[in-house]
């Protein structure tokens, strides 16, 4: 028997890559009900039919709710009777958010606040929110909105959430999620076109969707209020990633097109300031919430050290070479299907 036995799990943004992978992990378990909350009725209808086809004995566990995290009432309506929440709804395309920053704020910041307030009001037991490496030392609108989202998470956790435990996960690029670069590379190669690379020396963390769900489950099982969980992950240069995809799908050459709006040379998963509070838990780091209030004179003055020597970045984590990158990207279901010419069946 698990913590989910007979209980109700709600996934915001549930028709996306993460939501589909959660269903793959949970549908045949003892979970009582899974609520998919999203704003796209077509994706919900596609998911409903796909579940009925692939999981006829379990598809009845899934209920679909049309709504938007920006609309607090639609969130509250969907949340009645929910025990646990995985909050994945977000705007996460860096260039799009750069051109429409207030849209990122409305979804990533205000939407998260709506979800957390509704969860507290409804007595939800646990909420795990999904963030991104771009929230650490953010330089683009998407990252800034996610950094503010994290502040909203910690504030709600710190200021009294009743019986609701709120925590956060932060991870790097999820291979083959919607809008990620590997499917683009594969599409270009299959069309006989060169692979377009912004900057070959850029480094990016690499993890697959199953690992993203594992991180969220680990946070669910181990969180104290306001904790941040980070998975240790390897990284590769974009140049090596492009080479690795061509090793699998054919050599068409590489064309450097220059960086896009708001792109970083490398990604940071944990800041120098967070490193001071980090607990090494094997495959993951836990960063405890700073639970002090504004009455600083109540707290004993300790070390004047405010930051560690370095942050945890895609430049200083374990670097994969091309051969290792090939093996890593082969763990992504999209790549496995694409190697069989079935990438149209993949869910992004």
C-alpha atoms as a PDB file:
ATOM      1  CA  UNK A   1       0.000   0.000   0.000  1.00  0.00           C
ATOM      2  CA  UNK A   2       1.355   3.426  -0.969  1.00  0.00           C
ATOM      3  CA  UNK A   3       0.576   6.960   0.165  1.00  0.00           C
ATOM      4  CA  UNK A   4      -1.602   7.269  -2.948  1.00  0.00           C
ATOM      5  CA  UNK A   5      -3.802   4.272  -2.108  1.00  0.00           C
ATOM      6  CA  UNK A   6      -7.379   5.319  -2.813  1.00  0.00           C
ATOM      7  CA  UNK A   7      -6.420   8.988  -2.798  1.00  0.00           C
ATOM      8  CA  UNK A   8      -7.019  11.751  -5.342  1.00  0.00           C
ATOM      9  CA  UNK A   9      -4.108  13.339  -7.221  1.00  0.00           C
ATOM     10  CA  UNK A  10      -4.567  16.496  -9.306  1.00  0.00           C
ATOM     11  CA  UNK A  11      -2.097  17.510 -12.022  1.00  0.00           C
ATOM     12  CA  UNK A  12      -2.250  21.089 -13.258  1.00  0.00           C
ATOM     13  CA  UNK A  13      -1.128  21.414 -16.855  1.00  0.00           C
ATOM     14  CA  UNK A  14      -1.899  17.721 -16.933  1.00  0.00           C
ATOM     15  CA  UNK A  15      -2.047  17.266 -20.718  1.00  0.00           C
ATOM     16  CA  UNK A  16       1.616  18.223 -21.172  1.00  0.00           C
ATOM     17  CA  UNK A  17       4.688  16.004 -21.302  1.00  0.00           C
ATOM     18  CA  UNK A  18       4.977  15.744 -17.528  1.00  0.00           C
ATOM     19  CA  UNK A  19       1.295  14.959 -17.029  1.00  0.00           C
ATOM     20  CA  UNK A  20       1.353  12.194 -19.614  1.00  0.00           C
ATOM     21  CA  UNK A  21       4.390  10.644 -17.953  1.00  0.00           C
ATOM     22  CA  UNK A  22       2.753  10.845 -14.516  1.00  0.00           C
ATOM     23  CA  UNK A  23      -0.202   8.906 -15.898  1.00  0.00           C
ATOM     24  CA  UNK A  24       2.157   6.264 -17.256  1.00  0.00           C
ATOM     25  CA  UNK A  25       3.680   5.901 -13.773  1.00  0.00           C
ATOM     26  CA  UNK A  26       0.493   6.069 -11.699  1.00  0.00           C
ATOM     27  CA  UNK A  27      -2.464   4.806 -13.693  1.00  0.00           C
ATOM     28  CA  UNK A  28      -1.949   1.117 -12.932  1.00  0.00           C
ATOM     29  CA  UNK A  29      -1.131   1.718  -9.250  1.00  0.00           C
ATOM     30  CA  UNK A  30      -3.472   1.917  -6.251  1.00  0.00           C
ATOM     31  CA  UNK A  31      -4.178   5.634  -6.748  1.00  0.00           C
ATOM     32  CA  UNK A  32      -7.912   6.254  -6.461  1.00  0.00           C
ATOM     33  CA  UNK A  33      -8.396   9.129  -8.913  1.00  0.00           C
ATOM     34  CA  UNK A  34      -6.240  11.379 -11.071  1.00  0.00           C
ATOM     35  CA  UNK A  35      -7.598  14.773 -12.067  1.00  0.00           C
ATOM     36  CA  UNK A  36      -6.174  16.367 -15.181  1.00  0.00           C
ATOM     37  CA  UNK A  37      -6.612  20.135 -15.035  1.00  0.00           C
ATOM     38  CA  UNK A  38      -5.762  22.148 -18.146  1.00  0.00           C
ATOM     39  CA  UNK A  39      -7.187  24.708 -20.535  1.00  0.00           C
ATOM     40  CA  UNK A  40      -6.947  22.815 -23.848  1.00  0.00           C
ATOM     41  CA  UNK A  41     -10.085  20.749 -24.517  1.00  0.00           C
ATOM     42  CA  UNK A  42      -8.597  19.168 -27.653  1.00  0.00           C
ATOM     43  CA  UNK A  43      -5.584  17.807 -25.772  1.00  0.00           C
ATOM     44  CA  UNK A  44      -7.893  16.525 -23.055  1.00  0.00           C
ATOM     45  CA  UNK A  45     -10.066  14.759 -25.609  1.00  0.00           C
ATOM     46  CA  UNK A  46      -6.995  13.238 -27.284  1.00  0.00           C
ATOM     47  CA  UNK A  47      -5.690  12.067 -23.900  1.00  0.00           C
ATOM     48  CA  UNK A  48      -9.077  10.599 -22.957  1.00  0.00           C
ATOM     49  CA  UNK A  49      -9.271   8.516 -26.142  1.00  0.00           C
ATOM     50  CA  UNK A  50      -5.624   7.449 -25.843  1.00  0.00           C
ATOM     51  CA  UNK A  51      -6.183   6.244 -22.275  1.00  0.00           C
ATOM     52  CA  UNK A  52      -9.329   4.373 -23.226  1.00  0.00           C
ATOM     53  CA  UNK A  53      -7.410   2.637 -25.996  1.00  0.00           C
ATOM     54  CA  UNK A  54      -4.236   1.797 -24.065  1.00  0.00           C
ATOM     55  CA  UNK A  55      -5.534   1.384 -20.503  1.00  0.00           C
ATOM     56  CA  UNK A  56      -9.172   0.324 -20.804  1.00  0.00           C
ATOM     57  CA  UNK A  57      -9.273  -1.143 -17.287  1.00  0.00           C
ATOM     58  CA  UNK A  58      -7.828   1.961 -15.636  1.00  0.00           C
ATOM     59  CA  UNK A  59      -8.905   4.912 -17.794  1.00  0.00           C
ATOM     60  CA  UNK A  60     -11.942   5.457 -15.569  1.00  0.00           C
ATOM     61  CA  UNK A  61      -9.612   6.668 -12.800  1.00  0.00           C
ATOM     62  CA  UNK A  62      -8.893   9.841 -14.770  1.00  0.00           C
ATOM     63  CA  UNK A  63     -11.235  12.840 -14.607  1.00  0.00           C
ATOM     64  CA  UNK A  64     -10.765  15.897 -16.803  1.00  0.00           C
ATOM     65  CA  UNK A  65     -11.333  19.490 -15.727  1.00  0.00           C
ATOM     66  CA  UNK A  66     -11.247  22.414 -18.139  1.00  0.00           C
ATOM     67  CA  UNK A  67      -9.831  25.504 -16.479  1.00  0.00           C
ATOM     68  CA  UNK A  68      -6.911  27.870 -16.218  1.00  0.00           C
ATOM     69  CA  UNK A  69      -4.665  28.474 -13.224  1.00  0.00           C
ATOM     70  CA  UNK A  70      -5.112  32.180 -13.956  1.00  0.00           C
ATOM     71  CA  UNK A  71      -8.784  31.774 -12.995  1.00  0.00           C
ATOM     72  CA  UNK A  72      -8.931  31.176  -9.254  1.00  0.00           C
ATOM     73  CA  UNK A  73     -12.535  29.988  -9.317  1.00  0.00           C
ATOM     74  CA  UNK A  74     -11.863  27.298 -11.923  1.00  0.00           C
ATOM     75  CA  UNK A  75      -8.966  26.079  -9.780  1.00  0.00           C
ATOM     76  CA  UNK A  76     -11.144  25.915  -6.654  1.00  0.00           C
ATOM     77  CA  UNK A  77     -13.916  24.103  -8.526  1.00  0.00           C
ATOM     78  CA  UNK A  78     -11.507  21.388  -9.665  1.00  0.00           C
ATOM     79  CA  UNK A  79      -9.792  20.999  -6.310  1.00  0.00           C
ATOM     80  CA  UNK A  80     -12.651  19.896  -4.064  1.00  0.00           C
ATOM     81  CA  UNK A  81     -11.818  16.524  -2.561  1.00  0.00           C
ATOM     82  CA  UNK A  82      -8.217  16.513  -3.809  1.00  0.00           C
ATOM     83  CA  UNK A  83      -5.532  15.037  -1.531  1.00  0.00           C
ATOM     84  CA  UNK A  84      -2.332  15.794  -3.480  1.00  0.00           C
ATOM     85  CA  UNK A  85      -1.307  18.174  -6.274  1.00  0.00           C
ATOM     86  CA  UNK A  86       1.517  18.153  -8.797  1.00  0.00           C
ATOM     87  CA  UNK A  87       1.559  21.730 -10.101  1.00  0.00           C
ATOM     88  CA  UNK A  88       3.063  21.644 -13.610  1.00  0.00           C
ATOM     89  CA  UNK A  89       1.036  24.322 -15.427  1.00  0.00           C
ATOM     90  CA  UNK A  90       3.408  26.959 -16.797  1.00  0.00           C
ATOM     91  CA  UNK A  91       4.529  29.089 -19.684  1.00  0.00           C
ATOM     92  CA  UNK A  92       8.072  27.886 -20.328  1.00  0.00           C
ATOM     93  CA  UNK A  93       9.168  28.882 -23.810  1.00  0.00           C
ATOM     94  CA  UNK A  94      12.003  31.342 -23.220  1.00  0.00           C
ATOM     95  CA  UNK A  95      11.621  33.466 -26.412  1.00  0.00           C
ATOM     96  CA  UNK A  96       7.812  33.642 -26.103  1.00  0.00           C
ATOM     97  CA  UNK A  97       8.004  34.791 -22.496  1.00  0.00           C
ATOM     98  CA  UNK A  98      10.627  37.348 -23.475  1.00  0.00           C
ATOM     99  CA  UNK A  99       8.169  38.974 -25.882  1.00  0.00           C
ATOM    100  CA  UNK A 100       5.116  38.545 -23.632  1.00  0.00           C
ATOM    101  CA  UNK A 101       6.446  38.763 -20.065  1.00  0.00           C
ATOM    102  CA  UNK A 102       3.134  39.651 -18.449  1.00  0.00           C
ATOM    103  CA  UNK A 103       1.647  36.448 -19.818  1.00  0.00           C
ATOM    104  CA  UNK A 104       4.409  34.551 -18.009  1.00  0.00           C
ATOM    105  CA  UNK A 105       3.621  36.464 -14.829  1.00  0.00           C
ATOM    106  CA  UNK A 106      -0.104  35.718 -15.085  1.00  0.00           C
ATOM    107  CA  UNK A 107       0.438  31.980 -15.476  1.00  0.00           C
ATOM    108  CA  UNK A 108       3.654  31.250 -13.582  1.00  0.00           C
ATOM    109  CA  UNK A 109       3.297  33.680 -10.670  1.00  0.00           C
ATOM    110  CA  UNK A 110      -0.384  34.558 -10.215  1.00  0.00           C
ATOM    111  CA  UNK A 111      -1.479  31.114 -11.380  1.00  0.00           C
ATOM    112  CA  UNK A 112       0.745  29.431  -8.800  1.00  0.00           C
ATOM    113  CA  UNK A 113      -0.590  31.697  -6.066  1.00  0.00           C
ATOM    114  CA  UNK A 114      -4.133  30.744  -7.096  1.00  0.00           C
ATOM    115  CA  UNK A 115      -3.285  27.040  -6.911  1.00  0.00           C
ATOM    116  CA  UNK A 116      -1.646  27.331  -3.491  1.00  0.00           C
ATOM    117  CA  UNK A 117      -4.395  29.430  -1.929  1.00  0.00           C
ATOM    118  CA  UNK A 118      -7.041  27.024  -3.213  1.00  0.00           C
ATOM    119  CA  UNK A 119      -5.023  24.064  -1.912  1.00  0.00           C
ATOM    120  CA  UNK A 120      -4.755  25.610   1.547  1.00  0.00           C
ATOM    121  CA  UNK A 121      -8.462  26.491   1.608  1.00  0.00           C
ATOM    122  CA  UNK A 122      -9.451  22.974   0.525  1.00  0.00           C
ATOM    123  CA  UNK A 123      -7.106  21.265   2.991  1.00  0.00           C
ATOM    124  CA  UNK A 124      -4.990  19.517   0.361  1.00  0.00           C
ATOM    125  CA  UNK A 125      -2.275  17.512   2.101  1.00  0.00           C
ATOM    126  CA  UNK A 126       0.701  17.993  -0.230  1.00  0.00           C
ATOM    127  CA  UNK A 127       1.535  20.220  -3.175  1.00  0.00           C
ATOM    128  CA  UNK A 128       4.671  19.674  -5.256  1.00  0.00           C
ATOM    129  CA  UNK A 129       5.420  22.576  -7.619  1.00  0.00           C
ATOM    130  CA  UNK A 130       7.652  22.233 -10.675  1.00  0.00           C
ATOM    131  CA  UNK A 131      10.256  24.909 -11.309  1.00  0.00           C
ATOM    132  CA  UNK A 132      13.248  25.248 -13.613  1.00  0.00           C
ATOM    133  CA  UNK A 133      16.975  25.887 -13.538  1.00  0.00           C
ATOM    134  CA  UNK A 134      16.216  29.195 -15.246  1.00  0.00           C
ATOM    135  CA  UNK A 135      14.859  30.463 -11.916  1.00  0.00           C
ATOM    136  CA  UNK A 136      18.396  30.445 -10.485  1.00  0.00           C
ATOM    137  CA  UNK A 137      20.168  33.724 -11.313  1.00  0.00           C
ATOM    138  CA  UNK A 138      17.487  34.473 -13.943  1.00  0.00           C
ATOM    139  CA  UNK A 139      18.340  36.616 -16.961  1.00  0.00           C
ATOM    140  CA  UNK A 140      15.172  36.101 -19.006  1.00  0.00           C
ATOM    141  CA  UNK A 141      11.487  36.747 -18.414  1.00  0.00           C
ATOM    142  CA  UNK A 142      10.622  33.080 -18.115  1.00  0.00           C
ATOM    143  CA  UNK A 143      13.292  32.522 -15.483  1.00  0.00           C
ATOM    144  CA  UNK A 144      12.308  35.678 -13.617  1.00  0.00           C
ATOM    145  CA  UNK A 145       8.670  34.595 -13.540  1.00  0.00           C
ATOM    146  CA  UNK A 146       9.702  31.177 -12.255  1.00  0.00           C
ATOM    147  CA  UNK A 147      11.938  32.777  -9.615  1.00  0.00           C
ATOM    148  CA  UNK A 148       8.946  34.821  -8.460  1.00  0.00           C
ATOM    149  CA  UNK A 149       6.881  31.641  -8.538  1.00  0.00           C
ATOM    150  CA  UNK A 150       9.377  30.057  -6.153  1.00  0.00           C
ATOM    151  CA  UNK A 151       9.115  33.100  -3.870  1.00  0.00           C
ATOM    152  CA  UNK A 152       5.335  32.641  -3.843  1.00  0.00           C
ATOM    153  CA  UNK A 153       5.822  28.973  -2.928  1.00  0.00           C
ATOM    154  CA  UNK A 154       8.177  29.715  -0.046  1.00  0.00           C
ATOM    155  CA  UNK A 155       6.010  32.577   1.241  1.00  0.00           C
ATOM    156  CA  UNK A 156       2.902  30.397   1.329  1.00  0.00           C
ATOM    157  CA  UNK A 157       4.818  27.570   2.988  1.00  0.00           C
ATOM    158  CA  UNK A 158       6.429  29.921   5.519  1.00  0.00           C
ATOM    159  CA  UNK A 159       3.388  32.020   6.389  1.00  0.00           C
ATOM    160  CA  UNK A 160       1.227  29.157   7.547  1.00  0.00           C
ATOM    161  CA  UNK A 161      -0.366  26.686   5.185  1.00  0.00           C
ATOM    162  CA  UNK A 162      -2.299  24.735   7.809  1.00  0.00           C
ATOM    163  CA  UNK A 163      -2.274  21.029   7.053  1.00  0.00           C
ATOM    164  CA  UNK A 164      -0.931  21.629   3.530  1.00  0.00           C
ATOM    165  CA  UNK A 165       2.751  20.850   2.924  1.00  0.00           C
ATOM    166  CA  UNK A 166       4.057  22.893  -0.008  1.00  0.00           C
ATOM    167  CA  UNK A 167       7.394  22.160  -1.648  1.00  0.00           C
ATOM    168  CA  UNK A 168       9.207  22.776  -4.917  1.00  0.00           C
ATOM    169  CA  UNK A 169      11.334  20.865  -7.411  1.00  0.00           C
ATOM    170  CA  UNK A 170      13.793  22.439  -9.801  1.00  0.00           C
ATOM    171  CA  UNK A 171      15.336  20.680 -12.766  1.00  0.00           C
ATOM    172  CA  UNK A 172      17.084  21.369 -16.044  1.00  0.00           C
ATOM    173  CA  UNK A 173      16.110  20.571 -19.602  1.00  0.00           C
ATOM    174  CA  UNK A 174      13.793  17.594 -19.909  1.00  0.00           C
ATOM    175  CA  UNK A 175      14.747  15.793 -23.090  1.00  0.00           C
ATOM    176  CA  UNK A 176      12.034  15.663 -25.748  1.00  0.00           C
ATOM    177  CA  UNK A 177       9.461  17.586 -23.726  1.00  0.00           C
ATOM    178  CA  UNK A 178       7.304  19.955 -25.744  1.00  0.00           C
ATOM    179  CA  UNK A 179       9.395  22.670 -27.379  1.00  0.00           C
ATOM    180  CA  UNK A 180      12.737  21.035 -26.556  1.00  0.00           C
ATOM    181  CA  UNK A 181      15.530  20.814 -29.084  1.00  0.00           C
ATOM    182  CA  UNK A 182      16.030  17.085 -29.697  1.00  0.00           C
ATOM    183  CA  UNK A 183      12.749  16.600 -31.630  1.00  0.00           C
ATOM    184  CA  UNK A 184      13.711  19.626 -33.737  1.00  0.00           C
ATOM    185  CA  UNK A 185      17.110  18.079 -34.510  1.00  0.00           C
ATOM    186  CA  UNK A 186      15.473  14.788 -35.496  1.00  0.00           C
ATOM    187  CA  UNK A 187      12.957  16.552 -37.726  1.00  0.00           C
ATOM    188  CA  UNK A 188      15.734  18.507 -39.462  1.00  0.00           C
ATOM    189  CA  UNK A 189      17.842  15.397 -40.027  1.00  0.00           C
ATOM    190  CA  UNK A 190      14.927  13.417 -41.447  1.00  0.00           C
ATOM    191  CA  UNK A 191      14.231  16.316 -43.823  1.00  0.00           C
ATOM    192  CA  UNK A 192      17.865  16.215 -44.958  1.00  0.00           C
ATOM    193  CA  UNK A 193      18.593  19.613 -43.427  1.00  0.00           C
ATOM    194  CA  UNK A 194      21.543  20.642 -41.245  1.00  0.00           C
ATOM    195  CA  UNK A 195      20.955  20.743 -37.513  1.00  0.00           C
ATOM    196  CA  UNK A 196      20.621  24.342 -36.284  1.00  0.00           C
ATOM    197  CA  UNK A 197      22.633  25.137 -33.152  1.00  0.00           C
ATOM    198  CA  UNK A 198      22.556  28.456 -31.330  1.00  0.00           C
ATOM    199  CA  UNK A 199      25.990  28.206 -29.658  1.00  0.00           C
ATOM    200  CA  UNK A 200      27.932  24.896 -29.693  1.00  0.00           C
ATOM    201  CA  UNK A 201      29.693  25.729 -26.407  1.00  0.00           C
ATOM    202  CA  UNK A 202      26.449  26.157 -24.438  1.00  0.00           C
ATOM    203  CA  UNK A 203      25.944  23.488 -21.799  1.00  0.00           C
ATOM    204  CA  UNK A 204      22.611  22.083 -20.680  1.00  0.00           C
ATOM    205  CA  UNK A 205      21.570  19.569 -18.026  1.00  0.00           C
ATOM    206  CA  UNK A 206      20.006  16.408 -19.465  1.00  0.00           C
ATOM    207  CA  UNK A 207      17.256  14.360 -17.844  1.00  0.00           C
ATOM    208  CA  UNK A 208      14.368  12.347 -19.215  1.00  0.00           C
ATOM    209  CA  UNK A 209      10.688  12.592 -18.331  1.00  0.00           C
ATOM    210  CA  UNK A 210      10.760   9.524 -16.116  1.00  0.00           C
ATOM    211  CA  UNK A 211      13.519  11.135 -14.052  1.00  0.00           C
ATOM    212  CA  UNK A 212      11.415  14.293 -13.755  1.00  0.00           C
ATOM    213  CA  UNK A 213       8.562  12.259 -12.301  1.00  0.00           C
ATOM    214  CA  UNK A 214      10.998  10.437  -9.982  1.00  0.00           C
ATOM    215  CA  UNK A 215      12.195  13.801  -8.659  1.00  0.00           C
ATOM    216  CA  UNK A 216       8.628  14.904  -7.942  1.00  0.00           C
ATOM    217  CA  UNK A 217       7.853  11.609  -6.191  1.00  0.00           C
ATOM    218  CA  UNK A 218      11.003  11.942  -4.080  1.00  0.00           C
ATOM    219  CA  UNK A 219       9.972  15.470  -3.088  1.00  0.00           C
ATOM    220  CA  UNK A 220       6.467  14.248  -2.295  1.00  0.00           C
ATOM    221  CA  UNK A 221       7.844  11.573   0.035  1.00  0.00           C
ATOM    222  CA  UNK A 222      10.520  13.633   1.802  1.00  0.00           C
ATOM    223  CA  UNK A 223       9.379  17.259   1.862  1.00  0.00           C
ATOM    224  CA  UNK A 224       9.153  19.553   4.816  1.00  0.00           C
ATOM    225  CA  UNK A 225       7.242  22.804   4.221  1.00  0.00           C
ATOM    226  CA  UNK A 226       9.101  25.071   1.806  1.00  0.00           C
ATOM    227  CA  UNK A 227      11.781  22.565   0.799  1.00  0.00           C
ATOM    228  CA  UNK A 228      13.384  22.786  -2.631  1.00  0.00           C
ATOM    229  CA  UNK A 229      14.524  19.520  -4.256  1.00  0.00           C
ATOM    230  CA  UNK A 230      17.105  19.292  -7.031  1.00  0.00           C
ATOM    231  CA  UNK A 231      18.224  16.193  -8.884  1.00  0.00           C
ATOM    232  CA  UNK A 232      21.890  15.740  -9.603  1.00  0.00           C
ATOM    233  CA  UNK A 233      22.146  15.596 -13.370  1.00  0.00           C
ATOM    234  CA  UNK A 234      24.830  15.343 -16.047  1.00  0.00           C
ATOM    235  CA  UNK A 235      25.199  17.921 -18.806  1.00  0.00           C
ATOM    236  CA  UNK A 236      26.401  18.149 -22.390  1.00  0.00           C
ATOM    237  CA  UNK A 237      27.346  20.929 -24.740  1.00  0.00           C
ATOM    238  CA  UNK A 238      24.786  21.781 -27.395  1.00  0.00           C
ATOM    239  CA  UNK A 239      27.440  20.974 -29.987  1.00  0.00           C
ATOM    240  CA  UNK A 240      27.921  17.469 -28.559  1.00  0.00           C
ATOM    241  CA  UNK A 241      24.152  17.032 -28.282  1.00  0.00           C
ATOM    242  CA  UNK A 242      23.745  17.862 -31.968  1.00  0.00           C
ATOM    243  CA  UNK A 243      26.549  15.424 -32.803  1.00  0.00           C
ATOM    244  CA  UNK A 244      24.952  12.705 -30.667  1.00  0.00           C
ATOM    245  CA  UNK A 245      21.578  13.053 -32.402  1.00  0.00           C
ATOM    246  CA  UNK A 246      23.336  12.803 -35.770  1.00  0.00           C
ATOM    247  CA  UNK A 247      25.159   9.676 -34.598  1.00  0.00           C
ATOM    248  CA  UNK A 248      21.738   8.073 -34.201  1.00  0.00           C
ATOM    249  CA  UNK A 249      19.801   9.546 -37.131  1.00  0.00           C
ATOM    250  CA  UNK A 250      22.373  10.429 -39.771  1.00  0.00           C
ATOM    251  CA  UNK A 251      24.918  13.116 -40.542  1.00  0.00           C
ATOM    252  CA  UNK A 252      23.449  16.224 -42.133  1.00  0.00           C
ATOM    253  CA  UNK A 253      25.878  18.799 -40.730  1.00  0.00           C
ATOM    254  CA  UNK A 254      25.492  21.587 -38.213  1.00  0.00           C
ATOM    255  CA  UNK A 255      24.638  25.237 -38.820  1.00  0.00           C
ATOM    256  CA  UNK A 256      25.312  27.807 -36.077  1.00  0.00           C
ATOM    257  CA  UNK A 257      22.520  30.401 -35.962  1.00  0.00           C
ATOM    258  CA  UNK A 258      23.410  32.404 -32.842  1.00  0.00           C
ATOM    259  CA  UNK A 259      21.702  32.676 -29.467  1.00  0.00           C
ATOM    260  CA  UNK A 260      18.010  33.432 -29.125  1.00  0.00           C
ATOM    261  CA  UNK A 261      16.441  36.053 -26.884  1.00  0.00           C
ATOM    262  CA  UNK A 262      17.188  35.408 -23.217  1.00  0.00           C
ATOM    263  CA  UNK A 263      19.428  32.351 -23.588  1.00  0.00           C
ATOM    264  CA  UNK A 264      22.210  31.562 -21.101  1.00  0.00           C
ATOM    265  CA  UNK A 265      25.620  30.073 -21.859  1.00  0.00           C
ATOM    266  CA  UNK A 266      25.101  27.598 -19.018  1.00  0.00           C
ATOM    267  CA  UNK A 267      22.315  26.742 -16.601  1.00  0.00           C
ATOM    268  CA  UNK A 268      22.365  26.911 -12.804  1.00  0.00           C
ATOM    269  CA  UNK A 269      20.390  24.386 -10.768  1.00  0.00           C
ATOM    270  CA  UNK A 270      21.477  25.604  -7.340  1.00  0.00           C
ATOM    271  CA  UNK A 271      22.827  29.034  -6.423  1.00  0.00           C
ATOM    272  CA  UNK A 272      25.817  29.734  -4.221  1.00  0.00           C
ATOM    273  CA  UNK A 273      23.438  31.002  -1.549  1.00  0.00           C
ATOM    274  CA  UNK A 274      21.347  27.826  -1.680  1.00  0.00           C
ATOM    275  CA  UNK A 275      24.448  25.631  -1.548  1.00  0.00           C
ATOM    276  CA  UNK A 276      24.962  26.764   2.056  1.00  0.00           C
ATOM    277  CA  UNK A 277      21.602  25.248   3.061  1.00  0.00           C
ATOM    278  CA  UNK A 278      21.776  22.176   0.835  1.00  0.00           C
ATOM    279  CA  UNK A 279      21.577  18.643   2.196  1.00  0.00           C
ATOM    280  CA  UNK A 280      23.062  15.910   0.025  1.00  0.00           C
ATOM    281  CA  UNK A 281      20.516  13.075  -0.147  1.00  0.00           C
ATOM    282  CA  UNK A 282      22.336  10.843  -2.633  1.00  0.00           C
ATOM    283  CA  UNK A 283      20.787  11.413  -6.052  1.00  0.00           C
ATOM    284  CA  UNK A 284      19.141  14.638  -4.899  1.00  0.00           C
ATOM    285  CA  UNK A 285      19.776  17.820  -2.966  1.00  0.00           C
ATOM    286  CA  UNK A 286      17.301  19.209  -0.460  1.00  0.00           C
ATOM    287  CA  UNK A 287      17.481  22.965   0.163  1.00  0.00           C
ATOM    288  CA  UNK A 288      15.612  23.835   3.341  1.00  0.00           C
ATOM    289  CA  UNK A 289      13.408  26.901   3.441  1.00  0.00           C
ATOM    290  CA  UNK A 290      14.734  29.893   5.390  1.00  0.00           C
ATOM    291  CA  UNK A 291      11.958  29.854   7.986  1.00  0.00           C
ATOM    292  CA  UNK A 292      12.986  32.970   9.921  1.00  0.00           C
ATOM    293  CA  UNK A 293      10.553  35.868  10.099  1.00  0.00           C
ATOM    294  CA  UNK A 294      11.324  39.574   9.886  1.00  0.00           C
ATOM    295  CA  UNK A 295      12.192  39.873  13.597  1.00  0.00           C
ATOM    296  CA  UNK A 296      15.855  39.207  13.020  1.00  0.00           C
ATOM    297  CA  UNK A 297      16.884  40.238  16.553  1.00  0.00           C
ATOM    298  CA  UNK A 298      15.273  37.027  17.818  1.00  0.00           C
ATOM    299  CA  UNK A 299      17.798  34.903  15.989  1.00  0.00           C
ATOM    300  CA  UNK A 300      21.339  34.194  17.150  1.00  0.00           C
ATOM    301  CA  UNK A 301      23.933  35.831  14.942  1.00  0.00           C
ATOM    302  CA  UNK A 302      26.097  33.167  13.364  1.00  0.00           C
ATOM    303  CA  UNK A 303      28.569  32.984  10.532  1.00  0.00           C
ATOM    304  CA  UNK A 304      28.886  35.976   8.241  1.00  0.00           C
ATOM    305  CA  UNK A 305      29.265  33.624   5.296  1.00  0.00           C
ATOM    306  CA  UNK A 306      26.397  34.202   2.865  1.00  0.00           C
ATOM    307  CA  UNK A 307      27.371  32.059  -0.091  1.00  0.00           C
ATOM    308  CA  UNK A 308      29.354  28.966  -1.006  1.00  0.00           C
ATOM    309  CA  UNK A 309      32.385  29.098  -3.263  1.00  0.00           C
ATOM    310  CA  UNK A 310      30.434  28.019  -6.319  1.00  0.00           C
ATOM    311  CA  UNK A 311      26.950  27.239  -7.583  1.00  0.00           C
ATOM    312  CA  UNK A 312      25.828  23.944  -9.125  1.00  0.00           C
ATOM    313  CA  UNK A 313      25.765  24.482 -12.880  1.00  0.00           C
ATOM    314  CA  UNK A 314      25.799  22.681 -16.210  1.00  0.00           C
ATOM    315  CA  UNK A 315      29.403  23.866 -16.561  1.00  0.00           C
ATOM    316  CA  UNK A 316      30.679  22.199 -13.374  1.00  0.00           C
ATOM    317  CA  UNK A 317      28.505  19.082 -13.147  1.00  0.00           C
ATOM    318  CA  UNK A 318      29.577  15.801 -14.776  1.00  0.00           C
ATOM    319  CA  UNK A 319      30.100  16.496 -18.478  1.00  0.00           C
ATOM    320  CA  UNK A 320      29.006  13.824 -20.957  1.00  0.00           C
ATOM    321  CA  UNK A 321      31.035  13.217 -24.084  1.00  0.00           C
ATOM    322  CA  UNK A 322      29.340  12.433 -27.404  1.00  0.00           C
ATOM    323  CA  UNK A 323      29.188   8.679 -26.810  1.00  0.00           C
ATOM    324  CA  UNK A 324      27.726   9.153 -23.332  1.00  0.00           C
ATOM    325  CA  UNK A 325      25.259  11.719 -24.685  1.00  0.00           C
ATOM    326  CA  UNK A 326      24.101   9.170 -27.274  1.00  0.00           C
ATOM    327  CA  UNK A 327      23.352   6.680 -24.502  1.00  0.00           C
ATOM    328  CA  UNK A 328      21.582   9.334 -22.429  1.00  0.00           C
ATOM    329  CA  UNK A 329      19.258  10.552 -25.170  1.00  0.00           C
ATOM    330  CA  UNK A 330      18.395   6.955 -26.067  1.00  0.00           C
ATOM    331  CA  UNK A 331      16.596   6.768 -22.691  1.00  0.00           C
ATOM    332  CA  UNK A 332      13.988   9.248 -23.967  1.00  0.00           C
ATOM    333  CA  UNK A 333      10.834   7.550 -25.267  1.00  0.00           C
ATOM    334  CA  UNK A 334      10.575  10.032 -28.148  1.00  0.00           C
ATOM    335  CA  UNK A 335      14.043   9.038 -29.400  1.00  0.00           C
ATOM    336  CA  UNK A 336      13.197   5.343 -29.079  1.00  0.00           C
ATOM    337  CA  UNK A 337      10.039   5.815 -31.157  1.00  0.00           C
ATOM    338  CA  UNK A 338      11.820   8.056 -33.682  1.00  0.00           C
ATOM    339  CA  UNK A 339      14.457   5.375 -34.276  1.00  0.00           C
ATOM    340  CA  UNK A 340      11.566   3.122 -35.336  1.00  0.00           C
ATOM    341  CA  UNK A 341       9.980   5.861 -37.442  1.00  0.00           C
ATOM    342  CA  UNK A 342       7.099   6.198 -34.974  1.00  0.00           C
ATOM    343  CA  UNK A 343       7.792   9.622 -33.465  1.00  0.00           C
ATOM    344  CA  UNK A 344       4.267  10.735 -34.416  1.00  0.00           C
ATOM    345  CA  UNK A 345       3.049   8.427 -31.647  1.00  0.00           C
ATOM    346  CA  UNK A 346       5.091  10.250 -29.014  1.00  0.00           C
ATOM    347  CA  UNK A 347       3.323  12.549 -26.566  1.00  0.00           C
ATOM    348  CA  UNK A 348       4.927  15.921 -25.972  1.00  0.00           C
END
